[in-house]
Amino acid sequence: MSINYTERIPNNVDLGSNRILQRALEHWQPEFLNWWQELGPRDFQVADVYLRTATSVDAKGWATYGFVRMPEYRWGIFLAERDPNRKIGFGDSFGQDVWQQIPGEYRATLRRLIVTQGDTEPASVEQQRMLGHTAPSLYDLRNLLQVNVEEGRHLWAMVYLLHAYFGRDGREEAEELLERHSGDADKPRILGTFNEPIRDWLSFFMFTYFTDRDGKFQLKSLAESSFDPLARTCSFMLTEEAHHMFVGDTGINRVIKRTLEVMKELNTDDPEAIRKAGAIDLPTVQRYLNFWFSSSLDLFGSEQSSNAASYFANGLKGRPDEAQYEDHIAGNTSFELGVPDGSGGVKTEQIPMRNAMNEVTRGSYVRDCDLGVKRWNRLIEKAGHDFRLALPSTRFRRNIGAWAGVPTDPQGNPISHEENDRRKAGWLPSEGDQAYILSLMHGVYEPGKMAAWIAPPDRGINNNPVDYEYVRMA
């Protein structure tokens, strides 16, 4: 398959002169397009969509807007500009030159880190492939499809690294990224959260707020890597990841805003009355928040991890925003960790700081998540209601780490399995909740119109009005 490497695949990696990489991508590109047609957004492949495309890494080129059909989207390969003076920022080799090639002893570990990150990108596209059928507006449909094509480009970014730096092993891993599928019984995606079905838009907004925010922190950690091409790749990906979290943040905000409007119209906060009026009651929002936040917590791994210690020591994966820390070696410091005491209580352990790197990153993630919750609560408070949304404890509903399988309430207090079974319907979406949310899901495709359960956005995209025809159906 002949590809114009300056037009079809915009890049800043001199792809046009790299024959080995060209041959690898000429084999992989058709397989990617087959995957996109089969498991990408369903039934919108021939629609003209107002999409943002990256054509360069500078301010003018990274966000070029125009109508395009998704299979013709220009999935490019971009690395942030190289800093020739960049040094290793953490670990045992702190202050030494970063690597432009991979030291042999770290090839397998770095390959696995890249594959795990890369696997999440097509997984979320697969999870969301049917959502376009129930989009609450053309504005939201466009945002969904923008998220999808950018996840596709993030897959390209990881595949570039595999092809360019890992030889035959990398090529085989790149092929397997298209062979695993979200929720597949035989070949599921690597991380559990990316096998959860996303059947409704409330889940989509929660996913883009909480799970894509995990992606932000994973990319920030890898952007600190001593392997400079990986660091530069992830730095550029972060510019696009911000939009995904914006979709989630503003989506949840709009759901709450519409609910508050209905509560004011009816002069009640009764959940059943609000549901009869076609809005989503705040306790249901809280239960969905509990589910997706707790699912995303496991993506950071165990609180105490020898792998995390090794990644840090060897300069493979750092803490997000490593420059903010005073101690970049973390060789003789400790971290205080609360763990189950085996008798229904909690005890404190001191563990080496390097072994606690997952928990340090998770803590930064939690604080970042809470900023949005505070914004949503200000809306509720301003409307004169006492209800407040809250993040559950990081101990709640964990499947990985010290608290895996240990039941707690949302405040993190250990409880019995019997109490957990009795009360979890009040903490997590029930079958009834899910059925109700699904009953609200109907596609709205007239420009400027919105589904009744969500408020319109404050502004449109790229200075266009909210009622702009962001998706032109075939």
Protein backbone atom coordinates (compact mmCIF):
# COMPACT_ATOMS: atom_id res chain seq x y z
CA MET A 1 0.00 0.00 0.00
CA SER A 2 1.57 3.28 -1.14
CA ILE A 3 1.34 6.11 1.41
CA ASN A 4 2.18 9.79 0.95
CA TYR A 5 4.13 10.30 4.17
CA THR A 6 3.82 14.08 4.26
CA GLU A 7 0.10 14.21 3.48
CA ARG A 8 -1.48 10.97 4.69
CA ILE A 9 0.54 10.61 7.91
CA PRO A 10 1.63 14.07 9.12
CA ASN A 11 4.71 13.57 11.28
CA ASN A 12 7.86 15.11 12.65
CA VAL A 13 9.91 11.89 12.76
CA ASP A 14 11.22 12.08 9.17
CA LEU A 15 8.98 9.20 8.20
CA GLY A 16 9.40 9.89 4.48
CA SER A 17 13.08 8.88 4.50
CA ASN A 18 12.88 5.87 6.86
CA ARG A 19 12.31 2.88 4.58
CA ILE A 20 12.31 0.28 7.37
CA LEU A 21 9.63 2.15 9.29
CA GLN A 22 7.68 2.78 6.08
CA ARG A 23 7.53 -0.94 5.32
CA ALA A 24 6.37 -1.73 8.84
CA LEU A 25 3.60 0.89 8.69
CA GLU A 26 2.56 -0.12 5.18
CA HIS A 27 1.77 -3.53 6.65
CA TRP A 28 0.14 -2.18 9.81
CA GLN A 29 -1.88 0.70 8.29
CA PRO A 30 -4.42 -1.48 6.39
CA GLU A 31 -4.93 -3.64 9.47
CA PHE A 32 -5.58 -0.54 11.55
CA LEU A 33 -8.15 0.74 9.04
CA ASN A 34 -9.86 -2.66 9.01
CA TRP A 35 -10.03 -2.54 12.81
CA TRP A 36 -11.39 1.02 12.69
CA GLN A 37 -14.14 0.05 10.25
CA GLU A 38 -15.11 -3.05 12.22
CA LEU A 39 -14.77 -1.85 15.82
CA GLY A 40 -14.63 1.93 15.60
CA PRO A 41 -17.67 4.25 15.88
CA ARG A 42 -20.62 2.35 14.46
CA ASP A 43 -22.59 3.79 11.50
CA PHE A 44 -20.86 7.19 11.33
CA GLN A 45 -17.91 6.30 9.11
CA VAL A 46 -19.24 8.19 6.08
CA ALA A 47 -20.47 11.24 8.00
CA ASP A 48 -18.59 14.52 7.63
CA VAL A 49 -17.39 15.41 11.12
CA TYR A 50 -15.97 18.74 12.29
CA LEU A 51 -12.71 17.40 13.71
CA ARG A 52 -9.50 18.78 15.09
CA THR A 53 -6.41 17.32 13.43
CA ALA A 54 -2.79 17.68 14.51
CA THR A 55 -0.57 18.53 11.53
CA SER A 56 2.48 19.75 13.48
CA VAL A 57 3.53 20.33 17.08
CA ASP A 58 3.62 24.12 16.92
CA ALA A 59 0.78 26.36 18.07
CA LYS A 60 -0.64 26.78 14.55
CA GLY A 61 -0.52 23.15 13.52
CA TRP A 62 -1.49 21.02 16.46
CA ALA A 63 -5.20 22.00 16.25
CA THR A 64 -6.39 22.32 12.64
CA TYR A 65 -10.20 22.20 12.30
CA GLY A 66 -12.29 21.05 9.37
CA PHE A 67 -14.82 18.51 8.13
CA VAL A 68 -13.48 15.04 7.46
CA ARG A 69 -14.76 11.48 7.23
CA MET A 70 -13.20 9.47 10.03
CA PRO A 71 -11.57 6.74 7.89
CA GLU A 72 -9.81 9.58 6.04
CA TYR A 73 -8.61 11.24 9.26
CA ARG A 74 -4.88 11.97 9.21
CA TRP A 75 -3.58 9.95 12.14
CA GLY A 76 -0.17 11.52 12.54
CA ILE A 77 3.00 10.69 14.47
CA PHE A 78 4.28 13.54 16.61
CA LEU A 79 6.85 13.92 19.34
CA ALA A 80 7.29 17.10 21.34
CA GLU A 81 10.35 19.05 20.24
CA ARG A 82 13.61 17.59 21.53
CA ASP A 83 15.45 19.41 24.30
CA PRO A 84 19.16 18.74 23.61
CA ASN A 85 20.01 19.64 27.20
CA ARG A 86 17.49 17.33 28.86
CA LYS A 87 18.86 15.18 31.68
CA ILE A 88 17.48 12.19 33.57
CA GLY A 89 15.26 13.71 36.24
CA PHE A 90 14.99 10.96 38.87
CA GLY A 91 16.30 7.64 40.12
CA ASP A 92 19.78 6.19 40.35
CA SER A 93 21.00 7.90 37.15
CA PHE A 94 19.69 11.34 38.09
CA GLY A 95 21.47 14.12 36.18
CA GLN A 96 22.90 11.93 33.42
CA ASP A 97 22.01 12.36 29.74
CA VAL A 98 18.64 10.96 28.65
CA TRP A 99 18.64 8.02 26.22
CA GLN A 100 17.93 8.32 22.51
CA GLN A 101 18.14 4.54 22.18
CA ILE A 102 17.05 1.91 24.70
CA PRO A 103 19.69 0.25 26.90
CA GLY A 104 19.47 -3.49 26.27
CA GLU A 105 18.67 -4.39 29.87
CA TYR A 106 15.50 -2.26 29.80
CA ARG A 107 14.07 -3.27 26.42
CA ALA A 108 11.56 -5.82 27.72
CA THR A 109 10.33 -3.60 30.55
CA LEU A 110 9.92 -0.50 28.38
CA ARG A 111 8.18 -2.54 25.69
CA ARG A 112 5.66 -3.77 28.24
CA LEU A 113 5.03 -0.25 29.56
CA ILE A 114 4.44 1.03 26.02
CA VAL A 115 2.20 -1.91 25.11
CA THR A 116 0.08 -1.48 28.25
CA GLN A 117 -0.38 2.23 27.55
CA GLY A 118 -1.04 1.55 23.88
CA ASP A 119 -3.63 -1.12 24.65
CA THR A 120 -5.87 1.37 26.45
CA GLU A 121 -6.23 3.60 23.39
CA PRO A 122 -8.13 1.27 21.01
CA ALA A 123 -9.88 -0.29 24.00
CA SER A 124 -11.79 2.90 24.80
CA VAL A 125 -12.82 3.27 21.14
CA GLU A 126 -14.25 -0.24 21.27
CA GLN A 127 -16.03 0.46 24.55
CA GLN A 128 -17.70 3.54 23.07
CA ARG A 129 -18.43 2.31 19.53
CA MET A 130 -22.24 2.26 19.89
CA LEU A 131 -22.67 5.54 21.77
CA GLY A 132 -23.18 7.63 18.65
CA HIS A 133 -26.63 6.06 18.27
CA THR A 134 -27.82 7.77 21.46
CA ALA A 135 -25.90 11.07 21.34
CA PRO A 136 -27.80 13.81 23.22
CA SER A 137 -26.85 16.39 20.55
CA LEU A 138 -24.70 16.89 17.46
CA TYR A 139 -22.27 18.81 19.68
CA ASP A 140 -21.88 15.74 21.90
CA LEU A 141 -21.69 13.36 18.96
CA ARG A 142 -18.84 15.40 17.51
CA ASN A 143 -17.02 15.37 20.86
CA LEU A 144 -17.37 11.59 21.09
CA LEU A 145 -15.96 11.13 17.59
CA GLN A 146 -13.14 13.60 18.32
CA VAL A 147 -12.19 11.59 21.40
CA ASN A 148 -12.31 8.39 19.33
CA VAL A 149 -10.04 9.59 16.51
CA GLU A 150 -7.56 11.00 19.04
CA GLU A 151 -7.45 7.69 20.87
CA GLY A 152 -6.68 6.21 17.46
CA ARG A 153 -3.83 8.69 17.03
CA HIS A 154 -2.52 7.82 20.49
CA LEU A 155 -2.45 4.20 19.37
CA TRP A 156 -0.39 5.30 16.36
CA ALA A 157 1.99 7.09 18.72
CA MET A 158 2.68 3.93 20.70
CA VAL A 159 2.87 1.78 17.56
CA TYR A 160 5.46 4.16 16.13
CA LEU A 161 7.67 3.56 19.18
CA LEU A 162 7.21 -0.21 18.92
CA HIS A 163 8.09 -0.25 15.21
CA ALA A 164 10.95 2.24 15.45
CA TYR A 165 12.77 0.91 18.52
CA PHE A 166 11.84 -2.73 19.18
CA GLY A 167 12.40 -4.60 15.93
CA ARG A 168 10.43 -7.79 15.26
CA ASP A 169 9.16 -7.97 18.86
CA GLY A 170 7.73 -4.47 18.47
CA ARG A 171 6.04 -5.30 15.17
CA GLU A 172 4.41 -8.36 16.70
CA GLU A 173 3.22 -6.36 19.71
CA ALA A 174 1.77 -3.72 17.37
CA GLU A 175 -0.24 -6.39 15.56
CA GLU A 176 -1.53 -7.79 18.85
CA LEU A 177 -2.81 -4.35 19.84
CA LEU A 178 -5.41 -4.84 17.10
CA GLU A 179 -6.14 -8.47 18.04
CA ARG A 180 -7.20 -7.91 21.66
CA HIS A 181 -10.69 -6.46 22.07
CA SER A 182 -12.56 -4.83 24.93
CA GLY A 183 -14.68 -7.39 26.78
CA ASP A 184 -13.55 -10.30 24.59
CA ALA A 185 -13.78 -13.55 26.52
CA ASP A 186 -10.66 -15.01 24.90
CA LYS A 187 -8.51 -11.92 24.17
CA PRO A 188 -9.60 -9.09 26.47
CA ARG A 189 -7.79 -5.82 26.89
CA ILE A 190 -4.93 -5.86 29.40
CA LEU A 191 -6.46 -3.61 32.09
CA GLY A 192 -9.82 -4.49 33.64
CA THR A 193 -11.46 -1.05 33.45
CA PHE A 194 -11.05 -1.12 29.67
CA ASN A 195 -13.22 -4.22 29.45
CA GLU A 196 -16.19 -2.52 31.13
CA PRO A 197 -19.05 -1.79 28.70
CA ILE A 198 -19.99 1.86 28.20
CA ARG A 199 -23.61 1.73 27.13
CA ASP A 200 -24.83 5.18 28.14
CA TRP A 201 -23.66 8.78 28.10
CA LEU A 202 -23.55 9.23 31.87
CA SER A 203 -20.98 6.41 31.94
CA PHE A 204 -19.16 8.02 29.00
CA PHE A 205 -18.87 11.33 30.84
CA MET A 206 -17.68 9.55 33.99
CA PHE A 207 -15.17 7.55 31.93
CA THR A 208 -13.74 10.61 30.19
CA TYR A 209 -13.52 12.46 33.50
CA PHE A 210 -12.11 9.71 35.73
CA THR A 211 -10.53 7.09 33.46
CA ASP A 212 -9.04 9.49 30.92
CA ARG A 213 -7.68 11.40 33.92
CA ASP A 214 -5.85 8.24 34.90
CA GLY A 215 -4.49 8.35 31.35
CA LYS A 216 -3.28 11.89 32.01
CA PHE A 217 -1.31 10.77 35.05
CA GLN A 218 0.12 7.69 33.32
CA LEU A 219 1.24 9.87 30.40
CA LYS A 220 2.73 12.41 32.83
CA SER A 221 4.69 9.60 34.50
CA LEU A 222 5.98 8.32 31.16
CA ALA A 223 6.73 11.89 30.02
CA GLU A 224 9.43 11.87 32.75
CA SER A 225 11.08 8.76 31.28
CA SER A 226 14.82 8.66 30.59
CA PHE A 227 13.96 7.16 27.18
CA ASP A 228 13.58 10.49 25.43
CA PRO A 229 11.42 9.43 22.43
CA LEU A 230 8.85 7.96 24.85
CA ALA A 231 8.92 11.10 27.01
CA ARG A 232 8.46 13.36 23.98
CA THR A 233 5.65 11.21 22.56
CA CYS A 234 3.71 11.31 25.82
CA SER A 235 4.26 15.04 26.26
CA PHE A 236 2.50 15.70 22.96
CA MET A 237 -0.30 13.23 23.72
CA LEU A 238 -1.10 15.23 26.86
CA THR A 239 -2.17 18.20 24.72
CA GLU A 240 -4.97 16.03 23.29
CA GLU A 241 -5.85 14.22 26.51
CA ALA A 242 -6.98 17.54 28.01
CA HIS A 243 -9.95 17.64 25.60
CA HIS A 244 -11.09 14.18 26.68
CA MET A 245 -11.23 15.27 30.33
CA PHE A 246 -12.98 18.50 29.29
CA VAL A 247 -15.71 16.40 27.66
CA GLY A 248 -16.21 14.48 30.90
CA ASP A 249 -16.03 17.49 33.21
CA THR A 250 -18.45 19.65 31.23
CA GLY A 251 -20.69 16.67 30.47
CA ILE A 252 -21.23 15.88 34.15
CA ASN A 253 -21.62 19.60 34.82
CA ARG A 254 -24.38 19.81 32.21
CA VAL A 255 -26.18 16.74 33.59
CA ILE A 256 -26.20 18.32 37.07
CA LYS A 257 -27.25 21.71 35.70
CA ARG A 258 -30.28 20.16 33.97
CA THR A 259 -31.18 18.18 37.11
CA LEU A 260 -31.10 21.36 39.17
CA GLU A 261 -33.37 23.07 36.64
CA VAL A 262 -35.90 20.26 36.99
CA MET A 263 -35.64 20.35 40.79
CA LYS A 264 -36.40 24.07 40.67
CA GLU A 265 -39.34 23.59 38.29
CA LEU A 266 -40.84 20.86 40.46
CA ASN A 267 -39.77 22.39 43.79
CA THR A 268 -38.57 18.99 45.01
CA ASP A 269 -35.41 16.94 45.43
CA ASP A 270 -37.31 13.63 45.41
CA PRO A 271 -35.40 11.26 43.08
CA GLU A 272 -38.55 9.56 41.79
CA ALA A 273 -40.18 12.86 40.90
CA ILE A 274 -37.01 13.97 39.11
CA ARG A 275 -36.89 10.72 37.16
CA LYS A 276 -40.54 11.06 36.15
CA ALA A 277 -39.59 14.43 34.69
CA GLY A 278 -36.84 12.79 32.62
CA ALA A 279 -33.76 14.05 34.46
CA ILE A 280 -31.02 12.20 36.37
CA ASP A 281 -31.29 12.55 40.15
CA LEU A 282 -28.20 13.49 42.12
CA PRO A 283 -27.98 10.25 44.16
CA THR A 284 -27.76 8.33 40.86
CA VAL A 285 -24.98 10.64 39.70
CA GLN A 286 -23.16 9.81 42.96
CA ARG A 287 -23.52 6.05 42.42
CA TYR A 288 -22.10 6.30 38.89
CA LEU A 289 -19.29 8.46 40.24
CA ASN A 290 -18.53 5.81 42.88
CA PHE A 291 -18.34 3.10 40.23
CA TRP A 292 -16.09 4.82 37.70
CA PHE A 293 -13.79 6.49 40.22
CA SER A 294 -13.17 3.23 42.07
CA SER A 295 -12.66 1.35 38.78
CA SER A 296 -10.07 3.90 37.71
CA LEU A 297 -8.15 3.69 41.01
CA ASP A 298 -7.02 0.15 40.25
CA LEU A 299 -5.30 1.33 37.06
CA PHE A 300 -2.48 2.75 39.18
CA GLY A 301 -1.58 -0.70 40.53
CA SER A 302 -0.82 -1.88 44.06
CA GLU A 303 -0.05 0.57 46.85
CA GLN A 304 3.23 -1.24 47.49
CA SER A 305 5.02 -2.29 44.31
CA SER A 306 8.51 -3.59 43.64
CA ASN A 307 7.89 -2.96 39.92
CA ALA A 308 7.16 0.71 40.60
CA ALA A 309 10.34 0.91 42.69
CA SER A 310 12.35 -0.62 39.85
CA TYR A 311 10.82 1.70 37.23
CA PHE A 312 11.76 4.71 39.37
CA ALA A 313 15.24 3.50 40.28
CA ASN A 314 16.09 2.74 36.65
CA GLY A 315 14.64 5.97 35.27
CA LEU A 316 11.90 4.31 33.23
CA LYS A 317 8.79 5.90 34.76
CA GLY A 318 8.76 8.82 37.18
CA ARG A 319 6.26 10.69 39.27
CA PRO A 320 3.99 13.12 37.40
CA ASP A 321 5.56 16.59 37.45
CA GLU A 322 8.76 15.22 38.97
CA ALA A 323 10.27 18.72 39.09
CA GLN A 324 7.90 19.69 41.94
CA TYR A 325 9.60 17.25 44.34
CA GLU A 326 12.70 18.19 46.29
CA ASP A 327 14.13 14.68 46.51
CA HIS A 328 14.54 13.05 43.07
CA ILE A 329 16.40 10.01 44.36
CA ALA A 330 13.93 8.83 47.05
CA GLY A 331 16.50 6.34 48.25
CA ASN A 332 16.25 6.72 52.02
CA THR A 333 12.74 8.05 52.63
CA SER A 334 9.56 6.24 53.57
CA PHE A 335 5.81 6.48 53.00
CA GLU A 336 3.07 5.94 55.57
CA LEU A 337 0.46 3.51 54.28
CA GLY A 338 -2.84 2.44 55.83
CA VAL A 339 -3.56 -1.27 55.29
CA PRO A 340 -6.09 -3.78 56.67
CA ASP A 341 -5.05 -5.20 60.03
CA GLY A 342 -6.83 -8.53 59.42
CA SER A 343 -9.32 -7.92 62.25
CA GLY A 344 -11.68 -5.47 60.61
CA GLY A 345 -9.54 -2.43 61.31
CA VAL A 346 -6.68 -0.43 59.83
CA LYS A 347 -3.00 -0.39 60.71
CA THR A 348 -0.20 1.87 59.51
CA GLU A 349 2.93 0.60 57.80
CA GLN A 350 6.07 2.44 56.82
CA ILE A 351 7.25 1.38 53.36
CA PRO A 352 10.17 2.60 51.22
CA MET A 353 9.19 5.64 49.17
CA ARG A 354 10.23 4.00 45.93
CA ASN A 355 7.85 1.11 46.60
CA ALA A 356 5.05 3.63 47.15
CA MET A 357 5.31 5.39 43.78
CA ASN A 358 1.96 4.02 42.58
CA GLU A 359 0.30 5.38 45.71
CA VAL A 360 2.03 8.75 45.38
CA THR A 361 0.70 9.06 41.82
CA ARG A 362 -2.75 7.85 42.89
CA GLY A 363 -2.83 10.54 45.57
CA SER A 364 -2.09 13.24 42.98
CA TYR A 365 -4.85 11.80 40.80
CA VAL A 366 -7.38 11.89 43.64
CA ARG A 367 -6.62 15.53 44.38
CA ASP A 368 -7.04 16.37 40.69
CA CYS A 369 -10.36 14.50 40.50
CA ASP A 370 -11.64 16.38 43.53
CA LEU A 371 -11.28 19.73 41.76
CA GLY A 372 -14.14 18.83 39.44
CA VAL A 373 -16.28 17.52 42.28
CA LYS A 374 -15.87 20.87 44.04
CA ARG A 375 -16.99 22.70 40.90
CA TRP A 376 -20.10 20.51 40.58
CA ASN A 377 -20.89 21.01 44.26
CA ARG A 378 -20.72 24.78 43.85
CA LEU A 379 -23.51 24.47 41.28
CA ILE A 380 -25.61 22.47 43.73
CA GLU A 381 -24.87 24.85 46.60
CA LYS A 382 -25.69 27.90 44.50
CA ALA A 383 -29.05 26.31 43.65
CA GLY A 384 -29.80 26.11 47.39
CA HIS A 385 -29.56 22.36 47.98
CA ASP A 386 -27.74 20.53 50.78
CA PHE A 387 -26.77 17.46 48.73
CA ARG A 388 -23.04 17.16 48.01
CA LEU A 389 -21.19 14.80 45.69
CA ALA A 390 -18.04 13.20 47.10
CA LEU A 391 -15.24 10.94 45.97
CA PRO A 392 -15.31 7.61 47.80
CA SER A 393 -12.25 6.48 49.72
CA THR A 394 -9.39 4.93 47.78
CA ARG A 395 -10.07 1.78 49.83
CA PHE A 396 -13.59 1.40 48.43
CA ARG A 397 -14.33 -1.42 45.93
CA ARG A 398 -10.72 -2.21 45.19
CA ASN A 399 -9.68 -5.27 43.19
CA ILE A 400 -5.92 -4.64 43.26
CA GLY A 401 -3.59 -3.93 46.15
CA ALA A 402 -3.82 -4.08 49.94
CA TRP A 403 -7.57 -3.43 49.95
CA ALA A 404 -8.47 -5.92 47.22
CA GLY A 405 -11.49 -7.93 48.32
CA VAL A 406 -11.72 -6.09 51.64
CA PRO A 407 -15.22 -4.55 51.88
CA THR A 408 -15.46 -0.98 53.09
CA ASP A 409 -18.10 1.71 52.99
CA PRO A 410 -17.49 4.72 50.71
CA GLN A 411 -15.73 6.50 53.58
CA GLY A 412 -13.18 3.68 53.71
CA ASN A 413 -14.34 2.07 56.98
CA PRO A 414 -13.98 -1.73 56.90
CA ILE A 415 -17.33 -3.56 57.04
CA SER A 416 -18.47 -7.17 56.88
CA HIS A 417 -19.23 -8.92 53.62
CA GLU A 418 -22.85 -9.22 54.78
CA GLU A 419 -23.17 -5.47 55.35
CA ASN A 420 -21.50 -4.78 52.02
CA ASP A 421 -23.97 -7.03 50.20
CA ARG A 422 -26.85 -5.36 52.00
CA ARG A 423 -25.81 -1.78 51.31
CA LYS A 424 -23.99 -1.79 47.96
CA ALA A 425 -27.19 -1.06 46.01
CA GLY A 426 -27.11 2.36 47.65
CA TRP A 427 -23.50 2.92 46.70
CA LEU A 428 -23.24 1.58 43.12
CA PRO A 429 -25.57 1.70 40.10
CA SER A 430 -28.29 -0.93 40.49
CA GLU A 431 -29.94 -2.76 37.62
CA GLY A 432 -32.83 -0.34 38.05
CA ASP A 433 -30.51 2.66 37.82
CA GLN A 434 -28.91 1.31 34.67
CA ALA A 435 -32.29 0.53 33.09
CA TYR A 436 -33.51 4.05 33.84
CA ILE A 437 -30.40 5.72 32.41
CA LEU A 438 -30.63 3.56 29.29
CA SER A 439 -34.29 4.57 28.90
CA LEU A 440 -33.15 8.19 28.53
CA MET A 441 -30.70 7.41 25.75
CA HIS A 442 -32.13 8.52 22.42
CA GLY A 443 -30.19 10.15 19.61
CA VAL A 444 -30.81 13.86 19.00
CA TYR A 445 -29.39 14.94 15.65
CA GLU A 446 -31.06 18.27 14.88
CA PRO A 447 -28.55 21.15 15.16
CA GLY A 448 -28.98 23.04 18.42
CA LYS A 449 -31.37 20.51 19.98
CA MET A 450 -30.52 18.72 23.25
CA ALA A 451 -31.84 15.63 24.98
CA ALA A 452 -34.08 16.54 27.91
CA TRP A 453 -31.71 15.09 30.54
CA ILE A 454 -28.76 17.39 29.79
CA ALA A 455 -28.29 21.16 29.58
CA PRO A 456 -26.66 22.76 26.51
CA PRO A 457 -22.98 23.68 26.71
CA ASP A 458 -21.93 27.23 27.49
CA ARG A 459 -20.22 27.61 24.12
CA GLY A 460 -19.60 25.78 20.88
CA ILE A 461 -16.38 24.42 19.37
CA ASN A 462 -13.66 26.62 17.86
CA ASN A 463 -15.81 29.77 18.12
CA ASN A 464 -18.73 28.14 16.32
CA PRO A 465 -22.22 28.43 17.86
CA VAL A 466 -23.74 25.61 19.88
CA ASP A 467 -26.32 25.03 17.13
CA TYR A 468 -23.65 24.54 14.45
CA GLU A 469 -24.03 21.37 12.34
CA TYR A 470 -20.97 19.64 13.78
CA VAL A 471 -21.77 16.31 12.14
CA ARG A 472 -23.26 16.15 8.64
CA MET A 473 -24.95 12.81 8.18
CA ALA A 474 -24.49 11.02 4.88
